[in-house]
Amino acid sequence: MPPATQLAIYIGWLLHRTKDGILDGVLFVLPSLLLLCLLAWVNLVSGDALVVAGVRYGIKPAVVAIMLQPVHFQKSPLVGIERHVEIAVGVGAFWGTAL
């Protein structure tokens, strides 16, 4: 679970205990879930349309940039990765997203 989600749940729990902790967690994740469902629906309904295909191909460089940003700020791109299998999976996931 991302630290921002944990913080939202913890603050809700601190203020009003379990009920608001659960509610804050759900409301924190709900907007991104709805956006993901909307994008999936648009892709399903009109995925062959040139406009939708253009948007999809336009988003790919942004996704690659977001993936590369944490590596740029580390001293070494291999910090925390000790096994060759993990490196191979990371490189494969990167190239699978980039293509």
Foldseek 3Di string as FASTA:
>chain_A
DDPVLVVQLVVLCVVPRDVRSVVSSCVVCVVVVVVVVVLVVCCVVPVVDPVNVVVLVVCLVVVLCVVCVVCVPDPHSCVPPDDPVVVVVVVVVSVVSND
